[in-house]
Amino acid sequence: MEYLKWSYQDGIATIAIERPPANALSTGLLRELSTVLDEIEPNTDIKVIVIHGEGRFFSAGADIKEFTTVFSSEGFANIGKYGQALFERMEKFPKPILAAIHGAALGGGLELAMACHIRLVGENTKLGLPELQLGLIPGYAGTQRLPKYVGVARAAEMLFTSEPITGLEAVQFGLANHAYPENEVLEQALKMAGKIAKKSTGSLKATIQLLNYAKTEEFYEGVKKEVELFGEIFETPDAKEGIQAFIEKREPHFKGE
């Protein structure tokens, strides 16, 4: 593994994202995560999973520089489709997945966290979907999962302004379960995972299956539409300006194109 490190003990698998400096979610990292899930799923010694980030962040977003290597709306849409399928698999995974989030979970990083069953955050952790700042939109089902947790109006504000919320606000709004001091998040996640690991494998699997019935047909229609628009918007001049501005660390100048 180049970007992930994982191990398990006492029924708990711990997956660490290790892609400094920001743990950006490249296609390679997502493929490694899929491989790890392939290994964990049949392992009867593992009851629950904890995902966390090494370094300063959980994950500060997608790999924007990788976007510059894509040259068509179809290619960009395929990036979204892969991420959507992986995160859908996580939400339906037969073993509970907890996200221990510190520093920041932005863009694809927050979309990854929202695909987990439980989210524990640092009190001052930043969580948001800032894709509109780049002239883009979320592509890993973020537009569909975020309003499910925080409501449509709050999701609209977070998307339209690109402003993140804090971990404390995330708990208040329903996006996260609990907030702790930054240096205690992983410890608390492992503590909760220990409680979950004492439960029956069959009852955990059945409960996850039932929880997924809360996702409506409209949710899946929205996910499909999101990836379609994700590809279309990528080809606009504004999107190209937004990506270039991000790389050059400057404000984008959108012309409405």
C-alpha atoms as a PDB file:
ATOM      1  CA  MET A   1       0.000   0.000   0.000  1.00  0.00           C
ATOM      2  CA  GLU A   2       1.335   3.415  -1.001  1.00  0.00           C
ATOM      3  CA  TYR A   3      -1.288   5.662   0.597  1.00  0.00           C
ATOM      4  CA  LEU A   4      -2.957   3.569   3.296  1.00  0.00           C
ATOM      5  CA  LYS A   5      -1.797   1.600   6.310  1.00  0.00           C
ATOM      6  CA  TRP A   6      -4.099  -0.828   8.065  1.00  0.00           C
ATOM      7  CA  SER A   7      -4.053  -3.418  10.823  1.00  0.00           C
ATOM      8  CA  TYR A   8      -6.507  -5.060  13.195  1.00  0.00           C
ATOM      9  CA  GLN A   9      -6.649  -6.047  16.841  1.00  0.00           C
ATOM     10  CA  ASP A  10      -9.440  -7.184  19.158  1.00  0.00           C
ATOM     11  CA  GLY A  11     -11.965  -7.198  16.327  1.00  0.00           C
ATOM     12  CA  ILE A  12     -11.178  -3.616  15.228  1.00  0.00           C
ATOM     13  CA  ALA A  13      -9.530  -2.781  11.895  1.00  0.00           C
ATOM     14  CA  THR A  14      -7.811   0.606  11.791  1.00  0.00           C
ATOM     15  CA  ILE A  15      -7.228   2.213   8.381  1.00  0.00           C
ATOM     16  CA  ALA A  16      -4.862   5.209   8.308  1.00  0.00           C
ATOM     17  CA  ILE A  17      -4.730   7.590   5.348  1.00  0.00           C
ATOM     18  CA  GLU A  18      -1.084   8.485   4.744  1.00  0.00           C
ATOM     19  CA  ARG A  19      -0.720  10.813   1.792  1.00  0.00           C
ATOM     20  CA  PRO A  20       0.968  14.004   3.010  1.00  0.00           C
ATOM     21  CA  PRO A  21       0.610  16.869   3.159  1.00  0.00           C
ATOM     22  CA  ALA A  22      -3.200  16.897   2.962  1.00  0.00           C
ATOM     23  CA  ASN A  23      -4.224  13.236   2.516  1.00  0.00           C
ATOM     24  CA  ALA A  24      -5.848  14.184  -0.796  1.00  0.00           C
ATOM     25  CA  LEU A  25      -8.104  11.495  -2.260  1.00  0.00           C
ATOM     26  CA  SER A  26      -6.397  10.537  -5.486  1.00  0.00           C
ATOM     27  CA  THR A  27      -7.785   7.775  -7.682  1.00  0.00           C
ATOM     28  CA  GLY A  28      -4.909   5.583  -6.502  1.00  0.00           C
ATOM     29  CA  LEU A  29      -5.828   6.125  -2.861  1.00  0.00           C
ATOM     30  CA  LEU A  30      -9.480   5.252  -3.508  1.00  0.00           C
ATOM     31  CA  ARG A  31      -8.439   2.071  -5.315  1.00  0.00           C
ATOM     32  CA  GLU A  32      -6.272   1.113  -2.341  1.00  0.00           C
ATOM     33  CA  LEU A  33      -9.238   1.680  -0.018  1.00  0.00           C
ATOM     34  CA  SER A  34     -11.332  -0.632  -2.183  1.00  0.00           C
ATOM     35  CA  THR A  35      -8.597  -3.280  -1.955  1.00  0.00           C
ATOM     36  CA  VAL A  36      -8.466  -2.965   1.837  1.00  0.00           C
ATOM     37  CA  LEU A  37     -12.228  -3.438   2.051  1.00  0.00           C
ATOM     38  CA  ASP A  38     -11.864  -6.539  -0.135  1.00  0.00           C
ATOM     39  CA  GLU A  39      -9.453  -7.942   2.455  1.00  0.00           C
ATOM     40  CA  ILE A  40     -11.494  -6.938   5.487  1.00  0.00           C
ATOM     41  CA  GLU A  41     -14.930  -8.106   4.321  1.00  0.00           C
ATOM     42  CA  PRO A  42     -14.326 -11.895   4.495  1.00  0.00           C
ATOM     43  CA  ASN A  43     -12.160 -11.693   7.641  1.00  0.00           C
ATOM     44  CA  THR A  44     -14.360 -13.022  10.441  1.00  0.00           C
ATOM     45  CA  ASP A  45     -11.929 -11.721  13.079  1.00  0.00           C
ATOM     46  CA  ILE A  46     -12.824  -8.132  12.155  1.00  0.00           C
ATOM     47  CA  LYS A  47     -16.109  -6.735  13.482  1.00  0.00           C
ATOM     48  CA  VAL A  48     -15.746  -2.958  12.980  1.00  0.00           C
ATOM     49  CA  ILE A  49     -13.557  -0.467  11.084  1.00  0.00           C
ATOM     50  CA  VAL A  50     -12.081   2.902  12.110  1.00  0.00           C
ATOM     51  CA  ILE A  51     -10.762   5.227   9.377  1.00  0.00           C
ATOM     52  CA  HIS A  52      -8.528   8.181  10.288  1.00  0.00           C
ATOM     53  CA  GLY A  53      -5.912  10.413   8.737  1.00  0.00           C
ATOM     54  CA  GLU A  54      -2.237  10.698   9.672  1.00  0.00           C
ATOM     55  CA  GLY A  55      -0.655  14.133   9.949  1.00  0.00           C
ATOM     56  CA  ARG A  56      -2.594  17.391  10.095  1.00  0.00           C
ATOM     57  CA  PHE A  57      -5.826  16.307   8.384  1.00  0.00           C
ATOM     58  CA  PHE A  58      -8.342  13.535   7.965  1.00  0.00           C
ATOM     59  CA  SER A  59      -8.464  14.523   4.285  1.00  0.00           C
ATOM     60  CA  ALA A  60      -8.458  18.030   2.869  1.00  0.00           C
ATOM     61  CA  GLY A  61     -10.178  16.996  -0.370  1.00  0.00           C
ATOM     62  CA  ALA A  62      -9.696  15.448  -3.773  1.00  0.00           C
ATOM     63  CA  ASP A  63      -6.396  15.579  -5.627  1.00  0.00           C
ATOM     64  CA  ILE A  64      -6.965  18.753  -7.672  1.00  0.00           C
ATOM     65  CA  LYS A  65      -3.698  18.392  -9.565  1.00  0.00           C
ATOM     66  CA  GLU A  66      -4.929  15.019 -10.804  1.00  0.00           C
ATOM     67  CA  PHE A  67      -7.875  16.845 -12.394  1.00  0.00           C
ATOM     68  CA  THR A  68      -5.445  18.579 -14.760  1.00  0.00           C
ATOM     69  CA  THR A  69      -4.628  15.192 -16.299  1.00  0.00           C
ATOM     70  CA  VAL A  70      -8.269  14.637 -17.334  1.00  0.00           C
ATOM     71  CA  PHE A  71      -9.310  16.075 -20.684  1.00  0.00           C
ATOM     72  CA  SER A  72     -12.971  15.141 -21.212  1.00  0.00           C
ATOM     73  CA  SER A  73     -16.290  15.320 -19.418  1.00  0.00           C
ATOM     74  CA  GLU A  74     -16.581  11.535 -19.746  1.00  0.00           C
ATOM     75  CA  GLY A  75     -13.218  11.005 -18.075  1.00  0.00           C
ATOM     76  CA  PHE A  76     -14.159  13.351 -15.254  1.00  0.00           C
ATOM     77  CA  ALA A  77     -17.563  11.697 -14.839  1.00  0.00           C
ATOM     78  CA  ASN A  78     -15.808   8.334 -14.554  1.00  0.00           C
ATOM     79  CA  ILE A  79     -13.811   9.679 -11.597  1.00  0.00           C
ATOM     80  CA  GLY A  80     -17.106  10.565  -9.940  1.00  0.00           C
ATOM     81  CA  LYS A  81     -18.674   7.196 -10.748  1.00  0.00           C
ATOM     82  CA  TYR A  82     -15.799   5.315  -9.150  1.00  0.00           C
ATOM     83  CA  GLY A  83     -15.931   7.387  -5.977  1.00  0.00           C
ATOM     84  CA  GLN A  84     -19.714   7.120  -5.789  1.00  0.00           C
ATOM     85  CA  ALA A  85     -19.622   3.336  -6.151  1.00  0.00           C
ATOM     86  CA  LEU A  86     -16.927   2.986  -3.479  1.00  0.00           C
ATOM     87  CA  PHE A  87     -18.741   5.211  -0.996  1.00  0.00           C
ATOM     88  CA  GLU A  88     -22.037   3.430  -1.661  1.00  0.00           C
ATOM     89  CA  ARG A  89     -20.242   0.171  -0.924  1.00  0.00           C
ATOM     90  CA  MET A  90     -18.991   1.648   2.359  1.00  0.00           C
ATOM     91  CA  GLU A  91     -22.458   2.744   3.423  1.00  0.00           C
ATOM     92  CA  LYS A  92     -23.726  -0.800   2.741  1.00  0.00           C
ATOM     93  CA  PHE A  93     -20.606  -2.537   4.071  1.00  0.00           C
ATOM     94  CA  PRO A  94     -21.596  -5.399   6.421  1.00  0.00           C
ATOM     95  CA  LYS A  95     -19.245  -4.181   9.167  1.00  0.00           C
ATOM     96  CA  PRO A  96     -19.750  -0.759  10.845  1.00  0.00           C
ATOM     97  CA  ILE A  97     -17.323   1.937   9.672  1.00  0.00           C
ATOM     98  CA  LEU A  98     -16.400   4.838  11.957  1.00  0.00           C
ATOM     99  CA  ALA A  99     -14.604   7.988  10.778  1.00  0.00           C
ATOM    100  CA  ALA A 100     -12.244   9.612  13.295  1.00  0.00           C
ATOM    101  CA  ILE A 101     -11.906  13.107  11.837  1.00  0.00           C
ATOM    102  CA  HIS A 102      -9.346  15.687  12.915  1.00  0.00           C
ATOM    103  CA  GLY A 103      -7.962  18.842  11.294  1.00  0.00           C
ATOM    104  CA  ALA A 104     -10.159  18.987   8.216  1.00  0.00           C
ATOM    105  CA  ALA A 105     -12.512  16.895   6.113  1.00  0.00           C
ATOM    106  CA  LEU A 106     -13.172  18.923   2.988  1.00  0.00           C
ATOM    107  CA  GLY A 107     -14.559  18.095  -0.452  1.00  0.00           C
ATOM    108  CA  GLY A 108     -13.911  14.443  -1.201  1.00  0.00           C
ATOM    109  CA  GLY A 109     -12.654  14.039   2.366  1.00  0.00           C
ATOM    110  CA  LEU A 110     -16.048  14.970   3.757  1.00  0.00           C
ATOM    111  CA  GLU A 111     -17.763  12.809   1.147  1.00  0.00           C
ATOM    112  CA  LEU A 112     -15.648   9.883   2.374  1.00  0.00           C
ATOM    113  CA  ALA A 113     -16.586  10.665   5.977  1.00  0.00           C
ATOM    114  CA  MET A 114     -20.298  10.907   5.106  1.00  0.00           C
ATOM    115  CA  ALA A 115     -20.129   7.393   3.614  1.00  0.00           C
ATOM    116  CA  CYS A 116     -19.115   6.054   7.029  1.00  0.00           C
ATOM    117  CA  HIS A 117     -21.808   4.963   9.456  1.00  0.00           C
ATOM    118  CA  ILE A 118     -20.585   7.115  12.364  1.00  0.00           C
ATOM    119  CA  ARG A 119     -18.486  10.290  12.452  1.00  0.00           C
ATOM    120  CA  LEU A 120     -16.482  11.497  15.458  1.00  0.00           C
ATOM    121  CA  VAL A 121     -14.785  14.875  15.044  1.00  0.00           C
ATOM    122  CA  GLY A 122     -12.414  17.308  16.667  1.00  0.00           C
ATOM    123  CA  GLU A 123     -14.145  20.311  18.197  1.00  0.00           C
ATOM    124  CA  ASN A 124     -12.346  22.728  15.861  1.00  0.00           C
ATOM    125  CA  THR A 125     -12.123  20.436  12.849  1.00  0.00           C
ATOM    126  CA  LYS A 126     -13.239  22.057   9.582  1.00  0.00           C
ATOM    127  CA  LEU A 127     -15.855  20.217   7.537  1.00  0.00           C
ATOM    128  CA  GLY A 128     -17.174  21.427   4.201  1.00  0.00           C
ATOM    129  CA  LEU A 129     -17.750  20.968   0.485  1.00  0.00           C
ATOM    130  CA  PRO A 130     -15.870  23.882  -1.158  1.00  0.00           C
ATOM    131  CA  GLU A 131     -16.064  22.599  -4.748  1.00  0.00           C
ATOM    132  CA  LEU A 132     -18.000  25.647  -5.989  1.00  0.00           C
ATOM    133  CA  GLN A 133     -14.929  27.727  -5.127  1.00  0.00           C
ATOM    134  CA  LEU A 134     -13.243  25.856  -8.003  1.00  0.00           C
ATOM    135  CA  GLY A 135     -16.136  26.244 -10.404  1.00  0.00           C
ATOM    136  CA  LEU A 136     -16.994  22.571  -9.836  1.00  0.00           C
ATOM    137  CA  ILE A 137     -19.569  20.589  -7.861  1.00  0.00           C
ATOM    138  CA  PRO A 138     -19.162  17.599  -5.529  1.00  0.00           C
ATOM    139  CA  GLY A 139     -18.930  14.327  -7.436  1.00  0.00           C
ATOM    140  CA  TYR A 140     -18.926  11.562  -4.810  1.00  0.00           C
ATOM    141  CA  ALA A 141     -22.630  11.928  -3.839  1.00  0.00           C
ATOM    142  CA  GLY A 142     -21.909  14.867  -1.516  1.00  0.00           C
ATOM    143  CA  THR A 143     -24.876  16.859  -2.833  1.00  0.00           C
ATOM    144  CA  GLN A 144     -27.171  13.983  -1.830  1.00  0.00           C
ATOM    145  CA  ARG A 145     -25.683  12.920   1.523  1.00  0.00           C
ATOM    146  CA  LEU A 146     -25.045  16.373   3.011  1.00  0.00           C
ATOM    147  CA  PRO A 147     -28.721  17.526   3.002  1.00  0.00           C
ATOM    148  CA  LYS A 148     -29.684  14.148   4.452  1.00  0.00           C
ATOM    149  CA  TYR A 149     -27.641  15.033   7.545  1.00  0.00           C
ATOM    150  CA  VAL A 150     -27.907  18.819   7.885  1.00  0.00           C
ATOM    151  CA  GLY A 151     -31.071  19.667   5.931  1.00  0.00           C
ATOM    152  CA  VAL A 152     -31.444  21.331   2.547  1.00  0.00           C
ATOM    153  CA  ALA A 153     -31.084  24.940   3.730  1.00  0.00           C
ATOM    154  CA  ARG A 154     -27.874  24.309   5.693  1.00  0.00           C
ATOM    155  CA  ALA A 155     -26.457  22.211   2.839  1.00  0.00           C
ATOM    156  CA  ALA A 156     -27.265  25.012   0.395  1.00  0.00           C
ATOM    157  CA  GLU A 157     -25.398  27.528   2.564  1.00  0.00           C
ATOM    158  CA  MET A 158     -22.349  25.280   2.901  1.00  0.00           C
ATOM    159  CA  LEU A 159     -22.254  24.587  -0.845  1.00  0.00           C
ATOM    160  CA  PHE A 160     -23.022  28.104  -2.096  1.00  0.00           C
ATOM    161  CA  THR A 161     -20.549  29.873   0.246  1.00  0.00           C
ATOM    162  CA  SER A 162     -17.866  27.131   0.311  1.00  0.00           C
ATOM    163  CA  GLU A 163     -17.488  27.986   4.009  1.00  0.00           C
ATOM    164  CA  PRO A 164     -16.707  25.044   6.307  1.00  0.00           C
ATOM    165  CA  ILE A 165     -18.347  24.412   9.662  1.00  0.00           C
ATOM    166  CA  THR A 166     -16.562  23.379  12.862  1.00  0.00           C
ATOM    167  CA  GLY A 167     -16.741  19.990  14.496  1.00  0.00           C
ATOM    168  CA  LEU A 168     -18.947  21.404  17.250  1.00  0.00           C
ATOM    169  CA  GLU A 169     -21.310  22.815  14.626  1.00  0.00           C
ATOM    170  CA  ALA A 170     -21.264  19.491  12.780  1.00  0.00           C
ATOM    171  CA  VAL A 171     -22.596  17.757  15.906  1.00  0.00           C
ATOM    172  CA  GLN A 172     -25.186  20.498  16.413  1.00  0.00           C
ATOM    173  CA  PHE A 173     -26.374  20.195  12.784  1.00  0.00           C
ATOM    174  CA  GLY A 174     -26.442  16.376  12.769  1.00  0.00           C
ATOM    175  CA  LEU A 175     -23.444  15.791  10.506  1.00  0.00           C
ATOM    176  CA  ALA A 176     -21.291  14.259  13.263  1.00  0.00           C
ATOM    177  CA  ASN A 177     -22.105  12.136  16.293  1.00  0.00           C
ATOM    178  CA  HIS A 178     -19.687  13.555  18.879  1.00  0.00           C
ATOM    179  CA  ALA A 179     -16.944  16.183  19.114  1.00  0.00           C
ATOM    180  CA  TYR A 180     -13.809  15.911  21.235  1.00  0.00           C
ATOM    181  CA  PRO A 181     -10.499  17.736  21.639  1.00  0.00           C
ATOM    182  CA  GLU A 182      -8.441  17.090  18.496  1.00  0.00           C
ATOM    183  CA  ASN A 183      -5.947  14.771  20.206  1.00  0.00           C
ATOM    184  CA  GLU A 184      -8.695  12.562  21.653  1.00  0.00           C
ATOM    185  CA  VAL A 185     -10.740  11.810  18.542  1.00  0.00           C
ATOM    186  CA  LEU A 186      -9.016   8.582  17.497  1.00  0.00           C
ATOM    187  CA  GLU A 187      -8.934   7.303  21.072  1.00  0.00           C
ATOM    188  CA  GLN A 188     -12.667   7.933  21.447  1.00  0.00           C
ATOM    189  CA  ALA A 189     -13.384   6.294  18.086  1.00  0.00           C
ATOM    190  CA  LEU A 190     -11.483   3.173  19.128  1.00  0.00           C
ATOM    191  CA  LYS A 191     -13.347   3.169  22.436  1.00  0.00           C
ATOM    192  CA  MET A 192     -16.712   3.257  20.630  1.00  0.00           C
ATOM    193  CA  ALA A 193     -15.494   0.632  18.165  1.00  0.00           C
ATOM    194  CA  GLY A 194     -14.664  -1.603  21.117  1.00  0.00           C
ATOM    195  CA  LYS A 195     -18.278  -1.425  22.285  1.00  0.00           C
ATOM    196  CA  ILE A 196     -19.546  -2.211  18.792  1.00  0.00           C
ATOM    197  CA  ALA A 197     -17.115  -5.140  18.408  1.00  0.00           C
ATOM    198  CA  LYS A 198     -18.889  -6.923  21.285  1.00  0.00           C
ATOM    199  CA  LYS A 199     -22.097  -7.131  19.256  1.00  0.00           C
ATOM    200  CA  SER A 200     -23.215 -10.064  17.120  1.00  0.00           C
ATOM    201  CA  THR A 201     -21.853 -10.059  13.564  1.00  0.00           C
ATOM    202  CA  GLY A 202     -25.250 -11.081  12.230  1.00  0.00           C
ATOM    203  CA  SER A 203     -27.171  -8.366  14.036  1.00  0.00           C
ATOM    204  CA  LEU A 204     -24.690  -5.682  12.953  1.00  0.00           C
ATOM    205  CA  LYS A 205     -24.932  -6.794   9.329  1.00  0.00           C
ATOM    206  CA  ALA A 206     -28.729  -6.891   9.446  1.00  0.00           C
ATOM    207  CA  THR A 207     -28.947  -3.448  11.052  1.00  0.00           C
ATOM    208  CA  ILE A 208     -26.721  -1.892   8.389  1.00  0.00           C
ATOM    209  CA  GLN A 209     -28.891  -3.481   5.719  1.00  0.00           C
ATOM    210  CA  LEU A 210     -32.027  -2.020   7.313  1.00  0.00           C
ATOM    211  CA  LEU A 211     -30.524   1.449   7.816  1.00  0.00           C
ATOM    212  CA  ASN A 212     -29.888   1.648   4.086  1.00  0.00           C
ATOM    213  CA  TYR A 213     -33.615   1.402   3.391  1.00  0.00           C
ATOM    214  CA  ALA A 214     -33.775   5.018   4.589  1.00  0.00           C
ATOM    215  CA  LYS A 215     -32.207   5.990   1.243  1.00  0.00           C
ATOM    216  CA  THR A 216     -34.970   6.738  -1.223  1.00  0.00           C
ATOM    217  CA  GLU A 217     -35.261   6.213  -4.958  1.00  0.00           C
ATOM    218  CA  GLU A 218     -34.835   9.981  -5.287  1.00  0.00           C
ATOM    219  CA  PHE A 219     -31.462   9.706  -3.521  1.00  0.00           C
ATOM    220  CA  TYR A 220     -30.162   7.357  -6.205  1.00  0.00           C
ATOM    221  CA  GLU A 221     -31.631   9.494  -8.991  1.00  0.00           C
ATOM    222  CA  GLY A 222     -29.835  12.490  -7.499  1.00  0.00           C
ATOM    223  CA  VAL A 223     -26.537  10.591  -7.289  1.00  0.00           C
ATOM    224  CA  LYS A 224     -26.830   9.650 -10.974  1.00  0.00           C
ATOM    225  CA  LYS A 225     -27.606  13.255 -11.947  1.00  0.00           C
ATOM    226  CA  GLU A 226     -24.748  14.564  -9.822  1.00  0.00           C
ATOM    227  CA  VAL A 227     -22.117  12.565 -11.687  1.00  0.00           C
ATOM    228  CA  GLU A 228     -23.622  13.612 -15.034  1.00  0.00           C
ATOM    229  CA  LEU A 229     -23.378  17.308 -14.124  1.00  0.00           C
ATOM    230  CA  PHE A 230     -19.981  16.716 -12.484  1.00  0.00           C
ATOM    231  CA  GLY A 231     -18.673  15.754 -15.932  1.00  0.00           C
ATOM    232  CA  GLU A 232     -20.477  18.519 -17.829  1.00  0.00           C
ATOM    233  CA  ILE A 233     -19.323  21.322 -15.541  1.00  0.00           C
ATOM    234  CA  PHE A 234     -15.714  20.113 -15.717  1.00  0.00           C
ATOM    235  CA  GLU A 235     -15.562  21.176 -19.375  1.00  0.00           C
ATOM    236  CA  THR A 236     -16.671  24.770 -18.757  1.00  0.00           C
ATOM    237  CA  PRO A 237     -14.155  27.652 -18.868  1.00  0.00           C
ATOM    238  CA  ASP A 238     -15.124  28.586 -15.310  1.00  0.00           C
ATOM    239  CA  ALA A 239     -14.131  25.125 -14.059  1.00  0.00           C
ATOM    240  CA  LYS A 240     -10.778  25.328 -15.807  1.00  0.00           C
ATOM    241  CA  GLU A 241     -10.248  28.794 -14.283  1.00  0.00           C
ATOM    242  CA  GLY A 242     -11.191  27.517 -10.824  1.00  0.00           C
ATOM    243  CA  ILE A 243      -8.798  24.580 -10.980  1.00  0.00           C
ATOM    244  CA  GLN A 244      -5.960  26.792 -12.255  1.00  0.00           C
ATOM    245  CA  ALA A 245      -6.630  29.398  -9.581  1.00  0.00           C
ATOM    246  CA  PHE A 246      -6.474  26.698  -6.895  1.00  0.00           C
ATOM    247  CA  ILE A 247      -3.129  25.452  -8.181  1.00  0.00           C
ATOM    248  CA  GLU A 248      -1.801  29.026  -8.368  1.00  0.00           C
ATOM    249  CA  LYS A 249      -3.206  29.808  -4.879  1.00  0.00           C
ATOM    250  CA  ARG A 250      -5.262  32.816  -6.027  1.00  0.00           C
ATOM    251  CA  GLU A 251      -8.885  33.889  -6.227  1.00  0.00           C
ATOM    252  CA  PRO A 252     -10.694  32.573  -9.301  1.00  0.00           C
ATOM    253  CA  HIS A 253     -12.241  35.022 -11.745  1.00  0.00           C
ATOM    254  CA  PHE A 254     -15.406  33.411 -13.063  1.00  0.00           C
ATOM    255  CA  LYS A 255     -17.054  34.801 -16.199  1.00  0.00           C
ATOM    256  CA  GLY A 256     -20.242  32.782 -16.065  1.00  0.00           C
ATOM    257  CA  GLU A 257     -19.157  30.425 -18.838  1.00  0.00           C
END
